[in-house]
Every structure is written in structure tokens, then in C-alpha cells.
């Protein structure tokens, strides 16, 4: 099977995307861990401030709770994304492998 020049550029772009994700997956993992640690720290601060009854502390708690949930959500999204695509996107890897095999025959 012969690929046109446009198709060859698309295949090259797919290869580049897969290689860049494999290089950046450790950074994404560190980001997910940092999000979890930040959320736990904010949750700890909220627990300590919840004991206080002065208005600034209550306001700080009210503004910090959504940040905690958002950080947990971002960390969960990044974690699931990494678990499902640690070695690359399966569909893209299969497509590239099929293209390579068809080129060699």
C-alpha cells in the first residue's frame, strides 16, 4: 500500500504525538501528585480554620473548599488519563503498527 504525501505527513504527526506523550507522561504524573498534595494541604488548612468562628476564617474556608475539590478532580482526571494511556493511545499504536506492516510487505 502506497501512502500519499498528505497521508505520510499525518502518519509522521501521529508518531510525533505518541513520542511526545511518552516523554511527558512523567511530568503529568508529577503534576497529578502535586495536585493531590496541594488538595490535602488545603483540606488540612480548612480543618484548622473551621474551628475558628471569626468571619475572615469562615470566608477563607468558603473560598478554599471549591479549590480542594477542583484539585482532587484534576488529579483524578490526570490519573485516569495516565493509567489508560501510559504506553500511548492504543488505537494510534495499532494504526501505526498496521501502516508499518503494510509498508514492509
N, C-alpha and C. Protein backbone atom coordinates (compact mmCIF):
# COMPACT_ATOMS: atom_id res chain seq x y z
N UNK A 1 0.85 -1.17 0.00
CA UNK A 1 0.00 0.00 0.00
C UNK A 1 0.90 1.25 0.00
N UNK A 2 0.65 2.12 -0.93
CA UNK A 2 1.41 3.36 -1.03
C UNK A 2 0.60 4.51 -0.42
N UNK A 3 1.26 5.27 0.41
CA UNK A 3 0.61 6.43 1.03
C UNK A 3 0.94 7.69 0.24
N UNK A 4 -0.03 8.56 0.18
CA UNK A 4 0.23 9.84 -0.47
C UNK A 4 1.08 10.70 0.47
N UNK A 5 1.53 11.82 -0.03
CA UNK A 5 2.36 12.69 0.79
C UNK A 5 1.57 13.25 1.98
N UNK A 6 0.32 13.56 1.77
CA UNK A 6 -0.52 14.06 2.87
C UNK A 6 -0.69 13.00 3.94
N UNK A 7 -0.93 11.77 3.52
CA UNK A 7 -1.08 10.68 4.48
C UNK A 7 0.23 10.42 5.22
N UNK A 8 1.35 10.54 4.54
CA UNK A 8 2.65 10.36 5.19
C UNK A 8 2.89 11.44 6.24
N UNK A 9 2.47 12.67 5.96
CA UNK A 9 2.60 13.74 6.95
C UNK A 9 1.71 13.47 8.16
N UNK A 10 0.51 12.95 7.91
CA UNK A 10 -0.39 12.61 9.02
C UNK A 10 0.20 11.50 9.89
N UNK A 11 0.78 10.50 9.25
CA UNK A 11 1.41 9.40 9.98
C UNK A 11 2.59 9.94 10.79
N UNK A 12 3.38 10.81 10.20
CA UNK A 12 4.52 11.40 10.92
C UNK A 12 4.04 12.22 12.12
N UNK A 13 2.94 12.93 11.96
CA UNK A 13 2.39 13.72 13.06
C UNK A 13 1.88 12.81 14.17
N UNK A 14 1.23 11.70 13.80
CA UNK A 14 0.77 10.73 14.81
C UNK A 14 1.95 10.14 15.59
N UNK A 15 3.02 9.80 14.87
CA UNK A 15 4.21 9.27 15.54
C UNK A 15 4.80 10.30 16.52
N UNK A 16 4.84 11.54 16.08
CA UNK A 16 5.39 12.60 16.92
C UNK A 16 4.53 12.81 18.17
N UNK A 17 3.20 12.76 18.02
CA UNK A 17 2.32 12.92 19.16
C UNK A 17 2.51 11.79 20.17
N UNK A 18 2.63 10.57 19.67
CA UNK A 18 2.83 9.44 20.57
C UNK A 18 4.16 9.54 21.30
N UNK A 19 5.20 9.92 20.60
CA UNK A 19 6.51 10.05 21.24
C UNK A 19 6.52 11.19 22.27
N UNK A 20 5.85 12.28 21.97
CA UNK A 20 5.83 13.39 22.92
C UNK A 20 5.04 13.03 24.17
N UNK A 21 3.95 12.25 24.02
CA UNK A 21 3.21 11.85 25.21
C UNK A 21 4.05 10.92 26.08
N UNK A 22 4.78 10.02 25.45
CA UNK A 22 5.62 9.10 26.23
C UNK A 22 6.70 9.87 26.98
N UNK A 23 7.22 10.93 26.37
CA UNK A 23 8.22 11.75 27.06
C UNK A 23 7.60 12.56 28.19
N UNK A 24 6.38 13.06 28.03
CA UNK A 24 5.76 13.96 29.00
C UNK A 24 4.94 13.23 30.06
N UNK A 25 4.81 11.91 29.99
CA UNK A 25 3.95 11.22 30.94
C UNK A 25 4.46 11.33 32.37
N UNK A 26 5.78 11.41 32.56
CA UNK A 26 6.30 11.56 33.92
C UNK A 26 5.97 12.93 34.48
N UNK A 27 5.99 13.94 33.63
CA UNK A 27 5.62 15.28 34.08
C UNK A 27 4.14 15.33 34.46
N UNK A 28 3.32 14.65 33.70
CA UNK A 28 1.89 14.60 34.02
C UNK A 28 1.68 13.86 35.34
N UNK A 29 2.42 12.79 35.55
CA UNK A 29 2.32 12.07 36.82
C UNK A 29 2.73 12.95 37.99
N UNK A 30 3.81 13.70 37.84
CA UNK A 30 4.23 14.62 38.91
C UNK A 30 3.19 15.70 39.15
N UNK A 31 2.56 16.17 38.09
CA UNK A 31 1.50 17.17 38.23
C UNK A 31 0.32 16.60 38.99
N UNK A 32 -0.07 15.37 38.70
CA UNK A 32 -1.17 14.74 39.42
C UNK A 32 -0.84 14.57 40.90
N UNK A 33 0.38 14.17 41.19
CA UNK A 33 0.80 14.03 42.59
C UNK A 33 0.81 15.38 43.28
N UNK A 34 1.28 16.42 42.59
CA UNK A 34 1.29 17.76 43.17
C UNK A 34 -0.13 18.25 43.44
N UNK A 35 -1.06 17.93 42.55
CA UNK A 35 -2.46 18.32 42.77
C UNK A 35 -3.03 17.64 44.01
N UNK A 36 -2.73 16.36 44.18
CA UNK A 36 -3.23 15.63 45.35
C UNK A 36 -2.62 16.21 46.63
N UNK A 37 -1.32 16.46 46.62
CA UNK A 37 -0.67 17.01 47.81
C UNK A 37 -1.20 18.41 48.14
N UNK A 38 -1.42 19.23 47.12
CA UNK A 38 -1.98 20.56 47.35
C UNK A 38 -3.39 20.47 47.91
N UNK A 39 -4.17 19.55 47.40
CA UNK A 39 -5.54 19.38 47.90
C UNK A 39 -5.53 18.93 49.36
N UNK A 40 -4.65 17.99 49.70
CA UNK A 40 -4.58 17.56 51.09
C UNK A 40 -4.12 18.69 52.01
N UNK A 41 -3.18 19.49 51.55
CA UNK A 41 -2.73 20.62 52.36
C UNK A 41 -3.86 21.63 52.56
N UNK A 42 -4.57 21.94 51.49
CA UNK A 42 -5.70 22.87 51.61
C UNK A 42 -6.78 22.30 52.52
N UNK A 43 -7.01 20.99 52.42
CA UNK A 43 -8.01 20.37 53.29
C UNK A 43 -7.58 20.46 54.75
N UNK A 44 -6.28 20.29 55.00
CA UNK A 44 -5.75 20.42 56.36
C UNK A 44 -5.94 21.85 56.87
N UNK A 45 -5.65 22.82 56.03
CA UNK A 45 -5.84 24.23 56.42
C UNK A 45 -7.31 24.52 56.70
N UNK A 46 -8.19 23.99 55.88
CA UNK A 46 -9.63 24.20 56.08
C UNK A 46 -10.07 23.61 57.40
N UNK A 47 -9.58 22.43 57.74
CA UNK A 47 -9.96 21.82 59.01
C UNK A 47 -9.50 22.66 60.20
N UNK A 48 -8.30 23.21 60.09
CA UNK A 48 -7.81 24.04 61.20
C UNK A 48 -8.56 25.35 61.30
N UNK A 49 -8.98 25.91 60.14
CA UNK A 49 -9.68 27.19 60.16
C UNK A 49 -11.15 27.03 60.50
N UNK A 50 -11.70 25.83 60.31
CA UNK A 50 -13.11 25.61 60.60
C UNK A 50 -13.39 25.71 62.09
N UNK A 51 -12.38 25.51 62.91
CA UNK A 51 -12.55 25.61 64.36
C UNK A 51 -12.77 27.07 64.77
N UNK A 52 -12.15 27.98 64.04
CA UNK A 52 -12.29 29.40 64.35
C UNK A 52 -13.67 29.89 63.93
N UNK A 53 -14.19 30.83 64.66
CA UNK A 53 -15.53 31.33 64.33
C UNK A 53 -15.53 32.77 63.84
N UNK A 54 -14.36 33.35 63.61
CA UNK A 54 -14.35 34.73 63.14
C UNK A 54 -14.64 34.76 61.64
N UNK A 55 -15.25 35.84 61.16
CA UNK A 55 -15.69 35.92 59.76
C UNK A 55 -14.58 35.73 58.71
N UNK A 56 -13.37 36.26 58.89
CA UNK A 56 -12.35 36.00 57.86
C UNK A 56 -12.02 34.51 57.70
N UNK A 57 -12.03 33.78 58.80
CA UNK A 57 -11.74 32.34 58.73
C UNK A 57 -12.86 31.61 58.01
N UNK A 58 -14.09 31.98 58.29
CA UNK A 58 -15.23 31.34 57.62
C UNK A 58 -15.20 31.66 56.13
N UNK A 59 -14.85 32.89 55.78
CA UNK A 59 -14.75 33.27 54.36
C UNK A 59 -13.62 32.51 53.67
N UNK A 60 -12.49 32.35 54.35
CA UNK A 60 -11.37 31.60 53.78
C UNK A 60 -11.76 30.14 53.55
N UNK A 61 -12.49 29.56 54.48
CA UNK A 61 -12.96 28.18 54.31
C UNK A 61 -13.90 28.08 53.12
N UNK A 62 -14.78 29.05 52.98
CA UNK A 62 -15.75 29.03 51.88
C UNK A 62 -15.06 29.15 50.52
N UNK A 63 -13.97 29.88 50.46
CA UNK A 63 -13.25 30.01 49.19
C UNK A 63 -12.28 28.86 48.94
N UNK A 64 -11.85 28.19 49.97
CA UNK A 64 -10.86 27.13 49.82
C UNK A 64 -11.49 25.78 49.46
N UNK A 65 -12.69 25.51 49.93
CA UNK A 65 -13.34 24.22 49.67
C UNK A 65 -13.48 23.94 48.17
N UNK A 66 -13.94 24.87 47.32
CA UNK A 66 -14.00 24.56 45.88
C UNK A 66 -12.64 24.28 45.27
N UNK A 67 -11.59 24.93 45.78
CA UNK A 67 -10.25 24.68 45.27
C UNK A 67 -9.81 23.26 45.61
N UNK A 68 -10.16 22.80 46.79
CA UNK A 68 -9.81 21.44 47.19
C UNK A 68 -10.48 20.43 46.27
N UNK A 69 -11.78 20.61 46.03
CA UNK A 69 -12.49 19.68 45.15
C UNK A 69 -11.98 19.75 43.71
N UNK A 70 -11.65 20.95 43.27
CA UNK A 70 -11.13 21.09 41.91
C UNK A 70 -9.77 20.39 41.77
N UNK A 71 -8.92 20.52 42.76
CA UNK A 71 -7.62 19.87 42.71
C UNK A 71 -7.75 18.35 42.73
N UNK A 72 -8.68 17.83 43.54
CA UNK A 72 -8.92 16.38 43.53
C UNK A 72 -9.46 15.94 42.18
N UNK A 73 -10.32 16.74 41.57
CA UNK A 73 -10.86 16.40 40.25
C UNK A 73 -9.79 16.39 39.18
N UNK A 74 -8.92 17.39 39.19
CA UNK A 74 -7.83 17.44 38.21
C UNK A 74 -6.89 16.25 38.40
N UNK A 75 -6.58 15.94 39.65
CA UNK A 75 -5.69 14.81 39.92
C UNK A 75 -6.33 13.49 39.48
N UNK A 76 -7.64 13.34 39.70
CA UNK A 76 -8.32 12.12 39.27
C UNK A 76 -8.33 12.01 37.75
N UNK A 77 -8.61 13.12 37.07
CA UNK A 77 -8.61 13.10 35.62
C UNK A 77 -7.23 12.73 35.07
N UNK A 78 -6.19 13.37 35.59
CA UNK A 78 -4.84 13.07 35.13
C UNK A 78 -4.45 11.63 35.44
N UNK A 79 -4.85 11.14 36.60
CA UNK A 79 -4.53 9.75 36.96
C UNK A 79 -5.20 8.75 36.04
N UNK A 80 -6.47 8.95 35.75
CA UNK A 80 -7.19 8.05 34.85
C UNK A 80 -6.61 8.13 33.44
N UNK A 81 -6.29 9.34 33.01
CA UNK A 81 -5.70 9.53 31.68
C UNK A 81 -4.37 8.79 31.57
N UNK A 82 -3.56 8.87 32.61
CA UNK A 82 -2.27 8.20 32.59
C UNK A 82 -2.41 6.68 32.64
N UNK A 83 -3.33 6.19 33.46
CA UNK A 83 -3.49 4.74 33.57
C UNK A 83 -3.96 4.15 32.25
N UNK A 84 -4.86 4.83 31.58
CA UNK A 84 -5.40 4.28 30.34
C UNK A 84 -4.45 4.44 29.16
N UNK A 85 -3.54 5.40 29.22
CA UNK A 85 -2.66 5.66 28.08
C UNK A 85 -1.20 5.75 28.47
N UNK A 86 -0.76 4.92 29.40
CA UNK A 86 0.62 5.01 29.87
C UNK A 86 1.61 4.76 28.74
N UNK A 87 1.37 3.78 27.91
CA UNK A 87 2.28 3.47 26.81
C UNK A 87 1.85 4.11 25.50
N UNK A 88 0.90 4.99 25.52
CA UNK A 88 0.41 5.63 24.31
C UNK A 88 -1.05 5.26 24.07
N UNK A 89 -1.65 5.94 23.14
CA UNK A 89 -3.04 5.69 22.80
C UNK A 89 -3.12 4.37 22.02
N UNK A 90 -3.87 3.38 22.50
CA UNK A 90 -3.87 2.07 21.86
C UNK A 90 -4.33 2.10 20.40
N UNK A 91 -5.32 2.91 20.10
CA UNK A 91 -5.82 2.97 18.72
C UNK A 91 -4.74 3.50 17.77
N UNK A 92 -4.04 4.52 18.21
CA UNK A 92 -2.99 5.10 17.38
C UNK A 92 -1.82 4.14 17.21
N UNK A 93 -1.46 3.46 18.29
CA UNK A 93 -0.36 2.49 18.20
C UNK A 93 -0.71 1.36 17.24
N UNK A 94 -1.95 0.87 17.30
CA UNK A 94 -2.38 -0.18 16.38
C UNK A 94 -2.37 0.31 14.94
N UNK A 95 -2.86 1.51 14.72
CA UNK A 95 -2.87 2.07 13.38
C UNK A 95 -1.45 2.22 12.83
N UNK A 96 -0.54 2.73 13.63
CA UNK A 96 0.85 2.89 13.18
C UNK A 96 1.51 1.54 12.90
N UNK A 97 1.20 0.55 13.74
CA UNK A 97 1.77 -0.78 13.51
C UNK A 97 1.23 -1.38 12.21
N UNK A 98 -0.06 -1.22 11.96
CA UNK A 98 -0.63 -1.73 10.70
C UNK A 98 -0.04 -1.03 9.49
N UNK A 99 0.18 0.26 9.59
CA UNK A 99 0.78 1.00 8.48
C UNK A 99 2.21 0.52 8.25
N UNK A 100 2.96 0.31 9.32
CA UNK A 100 4.34 -0.18 9.17
C UNK A 100 4.38 -1.56 8.53
N UNK A 101 3.47 -2.44 8.96
CA UNK A 101 3.45 -3.78 8.37
C UNK A 101 3.03 -3.76 6.91
N UNK A 102 2.12 -2.89 6.58
CA UNK A 102 1.68 -2.82 5.18
C UNK A 102 2.77 -2.20 4.29
N UNK A 103 3.60 -1.34 4.87
CA UNK A 103 4.68 -0.73 4.10
C UNK A 103 5.80 -1.73 3.81
N UNK A 104 6.03 -2.65 4.75
CA UNK A 104 7.12 -3.61 4.57
C UNK A 104 6.74 -4.73 3.60
N UNK A 105 5.46 -5.00 3.41
CA UNK A 105 5.04 -6.09 2.52
C UNK A 105 5.00 -5.65 1.09
